[in-house]
């Protein structure tokens, strides 16, 4: 996990990440999100979403349902604010990943040294509609697979279309590195957006079943 603050450190952003092992079945909850705007409102909303997600995950709800509940919370408590998020549940025993997204950039899978962007399930950003629903996707990871989640501050560049920035990210992630930590550091160093926004990266690697 890595975080890079905005160029103007007084202009606090709303980027965040979280990862936690849940009680009971030992699934790992993970998420990366970005609240619109900057300043105190973005910061406090970010904290509310992160804490709210952890609390809701205890109920056993899947990622799609968790996003629907977060959407209801955001509209009810922070009307007029929007946010993007990718969240998932990973079961290490079976290497099964369930995930959903709300208007966020696609996660990236690195397998055998080749990076690809995952097909995105349906889901608009949080706060946009009280009737929103969120599709859930399932993926079984192979040993050594690395899943990378990130916020738009990593890749957005003025005058560069998003597809070009994503393609550049995939090329960078496909270069050989000795460890997950080195992969994240490489992305942080090589992929620098020019929007002065803050940036989060979270990487999850699949290990042999215990």
C-alpha atoms as a PDB file:
ATOM      1  CA  UNK A   1       0.000   0.000   0.000  1.00  0.00           C
ATOM      2  CA  UNK A   2       1.283   3.446  -0.871  1.00  0.00           C
ATOM      3  CA  UNK A   3      -0.057   6.984  -0.563  1.00  0.00           C
ATOM      4  CA  UNK A   4       1.305  10.109  -2.240  1.00  0.00           C
ATOM      5  CA  UNK A   5      -0.109  13.421  -0.971  1.00  0.00           C
ATOM      6  CA  UNK A   6      -1.187  16.202  -3.341  1.00  0.00           C
ATOM      7  CA  UNK A   7       1.399  18.709  -4.540  1.00  0.00           C
ATOM      8  CA  UNK A   8      -0.243  21.311  -2.308  1.00  0.00           C
ATOM      9  CA  UNK A   9      -0.328  19.464   1.019  1.00  0.00           C
ATOM     10  CA  UNK A  10      -2.797  22.012   2.393  1.00  0.00           C
ATOM     11  CA  UNK A  11      -5.293  21.041  -0.325  1.00  0.00           C
ATOM     12  CA  UNK A  12      -6.267  17.740   1.302  1.00  0.00           C
ATOM     13  CA  UNK A  13      -7.785  15.203  -1.079  1.00  0.00           C
ATOM     14  CA  UNK A  14     -10.262  12.387  -0.635  1.00  0.00           C
ATOM     15  CA  UNK A  15      -8.209   9.407  -1.862  1.00  0.00           C
ATOM     16  CA  UNK A  16      -8.094   6.432   0.493  1.00  0.00           C
ATOM     17  CA  UNK A  17      -7.403   2.715   0.765  1.00  0.00           C
ATOM     18  CA  UNK A  18      -8.144   0.006   3.286  1.00  0.00           C
ATOM     19  CA  UNK A  19      -7.457  -3.686   3.836  1.00  0.00           C
ATOM     20  CA  UNK A  20      -8.556  -5.786   6.788  1.00  0.00           C
ATOM     21  CA  UNK A  21      -9.122  -9.435   7.659  1.00  0.00           C
ATOM     22  CA  UNK A  22     -12.727 -10.005   8.621  1.00  0.00           C
ATOM     23  CA  UNK A  23     -13.684 -12.182  11.600  1.00  0.00           C
ATOM     24  CA  UNK A  24     -15.266 -15.577  11.086  1.00  0.00           C
ATOM     25  CA  UNK A  25     -14.366 -16.803   7.613  1.00  0.00           C
ATOM     26  CA  UNK A  26     -11.081 -14.830   7.449  1.00  0.00           C
ATOM     27  CA  UNK A  27     -11.892 -13.130   4.174  1.00  0.00           C
ATOM     28  CA  UNK A  28      -9.860 -10.023   3.417  1.00  0.00           C
ATOM     29  CA  UNK A  29     -11.781  -6.829   2.766  1.00  0.00           C
ATOM     30  CA  UNK A  30      -9.961  -4.408   0.499  1.00  0.00           C
ATOM     31  CA  UNK A  31     -10.912  -1.097  -1.071  1.00  0.00           C
ATOM     32  CA  UNK A  32      -9.558   1.953  -2.842  1.00  0.00           C
ATOM     33  CA  UNK A  33     -11.676   5.063  -3.218  1.00  0.00           C
ATOM     34  CA  UNK A  34     -11.744   8.724  -4.148  1.00  0.00           C
ATOM     35  CA  UNK A  35     -14.154  11.332  -2.805  1.00  0.00           C
ATOM     36  CA  UNK A  36     -14.844  14.267  -5.122  1.00  0.00           C
ATOM     37  CA  UNK A  37     -13.351  17.640  -4.251  1.00  0.00           C
ATOM     38  CA  UNK A  38     -10.707  18.682  -1.761  1.00  0.00           C
ATOM     39  CA  UNK A  39     -10.521  20.115   1.718  1.00  0.00           C
ATOM     40  CA  UNK A  40     -12.196  19.241   4.993  1.00  0.00           C
ATOM     41  CA  UNK A  41     -15.437  18.002   3.422  1.00  0.00           C
ATOM     42  CA  UNK A  42     -13.626  15.517   1.186  1.00  0.00           C
ATOM     43  CA  UNK A  43     -11.464  14.368   4.077  1.00  0.00           C
ATOM     44  CA  UNK A  44     -14.320  13.819   6.534  1.00  0.00           C
ATOM     45  CA  UNK A  45     -16.439  12.074   3.898  1.00  0.00           C
ATOM     46  CA  UNK A  46     -13.513   9.798   3.089  1.00  0.00           C
ATOM     47  CA  UNK A  47     -13.203   8.775   6.746  1.00  0.00           C
ATOM     48  CA  UNK A  48     -16.954   8.122   6.943  1.00  0.00           C
ATOM     49  CA  UNK A  49     -16.889   5.889   3.850  1.00  0.00           C
ATOM     50  CA  UNK A  50     -13.856   3.927   4.990  1.00  0.00           C
ATOM     51  CA  UNK A  51     -15.234   3.345   8.484  1.00  0.00           C
ATOM     52  CA  UNK A  52     -18.717   2.667   7.137  1.00  0.00           C
ATOM     53  CA  UNK A  53     -17.402   0.022   4.751  1.00  0.00           C
ATOM     54  CA  UNK A  54     -15.571  -1.811   7.529  1.00  0.00           C
ATOM     55  CA  UNK A  55     -18.648  -1.787   9.724  1.00  0.00           C
ATOM     56  CA  UNK A  56     -20.980  -2.970   6.963  1.00  0.00           C
ATOM     57  CA  UNK A  57     -18.601  -5.754   5.919  1.00  0.00           C
ATOM     58  CA  UNK A  58     -19.108  -7.430   9.296  1.00  0.00           C
ATOM     59  CA  UNK A  59     -22.692  -8.199   8.238  1.00  0.00           C
ATOM     60  CA  UNK A  60     -21.471 -10.676   5.601  1.00  0.00           C
ATOM     61  CA  UNK A  61     -22.790  -8.650   2.660  1.00  0.00           C
ATOM     62  CA  UNK A  62     -21.046  -9.079  -0.686  1.00  0.00           C
ATOM     63  CA  UNK A  63     -19.179  -6.259  -2.476  1.00  0.00           C
ATOM     64  CA  UNK A  64     -22.135  -5.229  -4.648  1.00  0.00           C
ATOM     65  CA  UNK A  65     -24.446  -4.954  -1.652  1.00  0.00           C
ATOM     66  CA  UNK A  66     -21.782  -3.096   0.326  1.00  0.00           C
ATOM     67  CA  UNK A  67     -21.551  -0.447  -2.391  1.00  0.00           C
ATOM     68  CA  UNK A  68     -25.329  -0.091  -2.516  1.00  0.00           C
ATOM     69  CA  UNK A  69     -25.388   0.514   1.235  1.00  0.00           C
ATOM     70  CA  UNK A  70     -22.521   3.018   1.004  1.00  0.00           C
ATOM     71  CA  UNK A  71     -24.399   4.820  -1.755  1.00  0.00           C
ATOM     72  CA  UNK A  72     -27.463   5.140   0.481  1.00  0.00           C
ATOM     73  CA  UNK A  73     -25.288   6.401   3.324  1.00  0.00           C
ATOM     74  CA  UNK A  74     -23.539   8.982   1.153  1.00  0.00           C
ATOM     75  CA  UNK A  75     -26.780  10.358  -0.271  1.00  0.00           C
ATOM     76  CA  UNK A  76     -28.407  10.472   3.163  1.00  0.00           C
ATOM     77  CA  UNK A  77     -25.552  12.047   5.098  1.00  0.00           C
ATOM     78  CA  UNK A  78     -23.484  13.907   2.492  1.00  0.00           C
ATOM     79  CA  UNK A  79     -25.961  14.948  -0.201  1.00  0.00           C
ATOM     80  CA  UNK A  80     -24.289  16.541  -3.212  1.00  0.00           C
ATOM     81  CA  UNK A  81     -21.024  14.654  -2.720  1.00  0.00           C
ATOM     82  CA  UNK A  82     -19.922  11.882  -5.055  1.00  0.00           C
ATOM     83  CA  UNK A  83     -17.226   9.251  -4.758  1.00  0.00           C
ATOM     84  CA  UNK A  84     -15.699   6.397  -6.709  1.00  0.00           C
ATOM     85  CA  UNK A  85     -14.615   3.117  -5.163  1.00  0.00           C
ATOM     86  CA  UNK A  86     -13.484  -0.414  -5.909  1.00  0.00           C
ATOM     87  CA  UNK A  87     -14.085  -2.893  -3.114  1.00  0.00           C
ATOM     88  CA  UNK A  88     -13.699  -6.618  -2.843  1.00  0.00           C
ATOM     89  CA  UNK A  89     -13.584  -9.673  -0.639  1.00  0.00           C
ATOM     90  CA  UNK A  90     -10.740 -12.146  -1.039  1.00  0.00           C
ATOM     91  CA  UNK A  91     -10.845 -15.681   0.385  1.00  0.00           C
ATOM     92  CA  UNK A  92      -7.213 -16.869   0.738  1.00  0.00           C
ATOM     93  CA  UNK A  93      -8.239 -20.509   1.285  1.00  0.00           C
ATOM     94  CA  UNK A  94      -9.701 -20.739  -2.221  1.00  0.00           C
ATOM     95  CA  UNK A  95      -7.975 -17.690  -3.777  1.00  0.00           C
ATOM     96  CA  UNK A  96     -11.440 -16.481  -4.768  1.00  0.00           C
ATOM     97  CA  UNK A  97     -11.922 -12.782  -5.346  1.00  0.00           C
ATOM     98  CA  UNK A  98     -15.334 -11.097  -5.418  1.00  0.00           C
ATOM     99  CA  UNK A  99     -15.379  -7.420  -6.306  1.00  0.00           C
ATOM    100  CA  UNK A 100     -17.529  -4.517  -7.426  1.00  0.00           C
ATOM    101  CA  UNK A 101     -16.915  -0.937  -8.416  1.00  0.00           C
ATOM    102  CA  UNK A 102     -18.695   2.402  -8.330  1.00  0.00           C
ATOM    103  CA  UNK A 103     -17.420   4.567 -11.162  1.00  0.00           C
ATOM    104  CA  UNK A 104     -13.793   3.749 -10.409  1.00  0.00           C
ATOM    105  CA  UNK A 105     -10.870   2.906 -12.695  1.00  0.00           C
ATOM    106  CA  UNK A 106     -10.452  -0.809 -13.483  1.00  0.00           C
ATOM    107  CA  UNK A 107      -8.208  -2.952 -11.248  1.00  0.00           C
ATOM    108  CA  UNK A 108      -5.115  -4.359 -12.920  1.00  0.00           C
ATOM    109  CA  UNK A 109      -4.100  -8.021 -12.777  1.00  0.00           C
ATOM    110  CA  UNK A 110      -0.446  -8.986 -13.175  1.00  0.00           C
ATOM    111  CA  UNK A 111      -0.074 -12.674 -14.076  1.00  0.00           C
ATOM    112  CA  UNK A 112       3.224 -14.258 -15.177  1.00  0.00           C
ATOM    113  CA  UNK A 113       4.694 -10.815 -15.748  1.00  0.00           C
ATOM    114  CA  UNK A 114       1.881  -9.619 -18.001  1.00  0.00           C
ATOM    115  CA  UNK A 115      -0.487  -6.903 -16.802  1.00  0.00           C
ATOM    116  CA  UNK A 116      -4.093  -6.610 -17.964  1.00  0.00           C
ATOM    117  CA  UNK A 117      -7.067  -4.520 -16.893  1.00  0.00           C
ATOM    118  CA  UNK A 118     -10.025  -6.452 -15.502  1.00  0.00           C
ATOM    119  CA  UNK A 119     -13.382  -6.219 -17.248  1.00  0.00           C
ATOM    120  CA  UNK A 120     -15.458  -3.810 -15.224  1.00  0.00           C
ATOM    121  CA  UNK A 121     -18.803  -4.810 -13.735  1.00  0.00           C
ATOM    122  CA  UNK A 122     -21.679  -2.340 -13.931  1.00  0.00           C
ATOM    123  CA  UNK A 123     -21.767   0.385 -11.277  1.00  0.00           C
ATOM    124  CA  UNK A 124     -22.026   4.179 -11.336  1.00  0.00           C
ATOM    125  CA  UNK A 125     -20.261   6.407  -8.845  1.00  0.00           C
ATOM    126  CA  UNK A 126     -21.601   6.723  -5.304  1.00  0.00           C
ATOM    127  CA  UNK A 127     -23.951   9.617  -4.683  1.00  0.00           C
ATOM    128  CA  UNK A 128     -25.174   9.878  -8.281  1.00  0.00           C
ATOM    129  CA  UNK A 129     -28.504   8.055  -7.887  1.00  0.00           C
ATOM    130  CA  UNK A 130     -30.490   6.608  -5.030  1.00  0.00           C
ATOM    131  CA  UNK A 131     -31.616   3.803  -7.389  1.00  0.00           C
ATOM    132  CA  UNK A 132     -28.101   2.645  -8.285  1.00  0.00           C
ATOM    133  CA  UNK A 133     -27.236  -1.018  -8.162  1.00  0.00           C
ATOM    134  CA  UNK A 134     -23.807  -2.619  -8.396  1.00  0.00           C
ATOM    135  CA  UNK A 135     -22.881  -5.735 -10.319  1.00  0.00           C
ATOM    136  CA  UNK A 136     -20.454  -8.175  -8.723  1.00  0.00           C
ATOM    137  CA  UNK A 137     -17.643 -10.065 -10.458  1.00  0.00           C
ATOM    138  CA  UNK A 138     -15.797 -13.186  -9.326  1.00  0.00           C
ATOM    139  CA  UNK A 139     -12.260 -14.235 -10.205  1.00  0.00           C
ATOM    140  CA  UNK A 140     -10.137 -17.143  -8.984  1.00  0.00           C
ATOM    141  CA  UNK A 141      -6.533 -16.004  -8.710  1.00  0.00           C
ATOM    142  CA  UNK A 142      -3.550 -18.170  -9.544  1.00  0.00           C
ATOM    143  CA  UNK A 143      -0.566 -18.453  -7.207  1.00  0.00           C
ATOM    144  CA  UNK A 144       1.650 -15.433  -7.779  1.00  0.00           C
ATOM    145  CA  UNK A 145      -1.087 -13.250  -9.301  1.00  0.00           C
ATOM    146  CA  UNK A 146      -1.008  -9.646  -8.167  1.00  0.00           C
ATOM    147  CA  UNK A 147      -4.078  -7.411  -8.147  1.00  0.00           C
ATOM    148  CA  UNK A 148      -3.383  -3.669  -8.246  1.00  0.00           C
ATOM    149  CA  UNK A 149      -5.936  -1.005  -7.300  1.00  0.00           C
ATOM    150  CA  UNK A 150      -5.196   2.701  -7.669  1.00  0.00           C
ATOM    151  CA  UNK A 151      -6.767   6.151  -7.819  1.00  0.00           C
ATOM    152  CA  UNK A 152      -6.808   8.508 -10.794  1.00  0.00           C
ATOM    153  CA  UNK A 153      -4.027  10.716  -9.437  1.00  0.00           C
ATOM    154  CA  UNK A 154      -1.622   7.984 -10.530  1.00  0.00           C
ATOM    155  CA  UNK A 155      -2.342   8.258 -14.234  1.00  0.00           C
ATOM    156  CA  UNK A 156      -4.318  11.390 -15.141  1.00  0.00           C
ATOM    157  CA  UNK A 157      -2.406  13.825 -17.347  1.00  0.00           C
ATOM    158  CA  UNK A 158      -3.618  17.004 -18.968  1.00  0.00           C
ATOM    159  CA  UNK A 159      -4.046  16.606 -22.708  1.00  0.00           C
ATOM    160  CA  UNK A 160      -3.731  12.789 -22.570  1.00  0.00           C
ATOM    161  CA  UNK A 161      -6.806  10.640 -23.068  1.00  0.00           C
ATOM    162  CA  UNK A 162      -7.571   8.121 -20.340  1.00  0.00           C
ATOM    163  CA  UNK A 163      -7.063   5.076 -22.565  1.00  0.00           C
ATOM    164  CA  UNK A 164      -3.505   6.171 -23.342  1.00  0.00           C
ATOM    165  CA  UNK A 165      -2.727   6.665 -19.652  1.00  0.00           C
ATOM    166  CA  UNK A 166      -4.139   3.229 -18.801  1.00  0.00           C
ATOM    167  CA  UNK A 167      -2.123   1.611 -21.606  1.00  0.00           C
ATOM    168  CA  UNK A 168       1.019   3.249 -20.243  1.00  0.00           C
ATOM    169  CA  UNK A 169       0.192   1.915 -16.775  1.00  0.00           C
ATOM    170  CA  UNK A 170      -0.180  -1.621 -18.155  1.00  0.00           C
ATOM    171  CA  UNK A 171       3.173  -1.371 -19.957  1.00  0.00           C
ATOM    172  CA  UNK A 172       4.915  -0.205 -16.793  1.00  0.00           C
ATOM    173  CA  UNK A 173       3.348  -2.970 -14.674  1.00  0.00           C
ATOM    174  CA  UNK A 174       4.466  -5.605 -17.224  1.00  0.00           C
ATOM    175  CA  UNK A 175       8.147  -4.865 -16.656  1.00  0.00           C
ATOM    176  CA  UNK A 176       9.884  -7.526 -14.508  1.00  0.00           C
ATOM    177  CA  UNK A 177      10.318  -6.698 -10.810  1.00  0.00           C
ATOM    178  CA  UNK A 178      11.469  -8.919  -7.905  1.00  0.00           C
ATOM    179  CA  UNK A 179       8.563  -8.299  -5.519  1.00  0.00           C
ATOM    180  CA  UNK A 180       5.140  -6.749  -5.023  1.00  0.00           C
ATOM    181  CA  UNK A 181       6.726  -3.918  -3.090  1.00  0.00           C
ATOM    182  CA  UNK A 182       9.034  -3.192  -6.002  1.00  0.00           C
ATOM    183  CA  UNK A 183       6.076  -3.240  -8.384  1.00  0.00           C
ATOM    184  CA  UNK A 184       4.209  -0.653  -6.331  1.00  0.00           C
ATOM    185  CA  UNK A 185       7.314   1.510  -5.967  1.00  0.00           C
ATOM    186  CA  UNK A 186       7.914   1.311  -9.722  1.00  0.00           C
ATOM    187  CA  UNK A 187       4.373   2.413 -10.459  1.00  0.00           C
ATOM    188  CA  UNK A 188       4.614   5.274  -7.986  1.00  0.00           C
ATOM    189  CA  UNK A 189       7.880   6.452  -9.530  1.00  0.00           C
ATOM    190  CA  UNK A 190       7.103   5.950 -13.211  1.00  0.00           C
ATOM    191  CA  UNK A 191       3.398   6.837 -13.267  1.00  0.00           C
ATOM    192  CA  UNK A 192       3.111  10.432 -12.131  1.00  0.00           C
ATOM    193  CA  UNK A 193      -0.010  12.321 -13.107  1.00  0.00           C
ATOM    194  CA  UNK A 194       0.130  16.085 -13.553  1.00  0.00           C
ATOM    195  CA  UNK A 195      -3.206  17.020 -11.989  1.00  0.00           C
ATOM    196  CA  UNK A 196      -1.644  17.739  -8.528  1.00  0.00           C
ATOM    197  CA  UNK A 197      -4.089  15.215  -7.050  1.00  0.00           C
ATOM    198  CA  UNK A 198      -3.219  12.733  -4.314  1.00  0.00           C
ATOM    199  CA  UNK A 199      -2.669   9.068  -5.162  1.00  0.00           C
ATOM    200  CA  UNK A 200      -3.296   5.662  -3.566  1.00  0.00           C
ATOM    201  CA  UNK A 201      -2.099   2.227  -4.654  1.00  0.00           C
ATOM    202  CA  UNK A 202      -3.031  -1.081  -3.045  1.00  0.00           C
ATOM    203  CA  UNK A 203      -1.610  -4.413  -4.239  1.00  0.00           C
ATOM    204  CA  UNK A 204      -2.802  -7.889  -3.258  1.00  0.00           C
ATOM    205  CA  UNK A 205      -0.845 -11.051  -4.162  1.00  0.00           C
ATOM    206  CA  UNK A 206      -2.208 -14.620  -4.158  1.00  0.00           C
ATOM    207  CA  UNK A 207      -0.210 -17.191  -2.206  1.00  0.00           C
ATOM    208  CA  UNK A 208      -0.514 -21.013  -2.119  1.00  0.00           C
ATOM    209  CA  UNK A 209      -3.549 -22.338  -0.274  1.00  0.00           C
ATOM    210  CA  UNK A 210      -2.873 -23.194   3.329  1.00  0.00           C
END
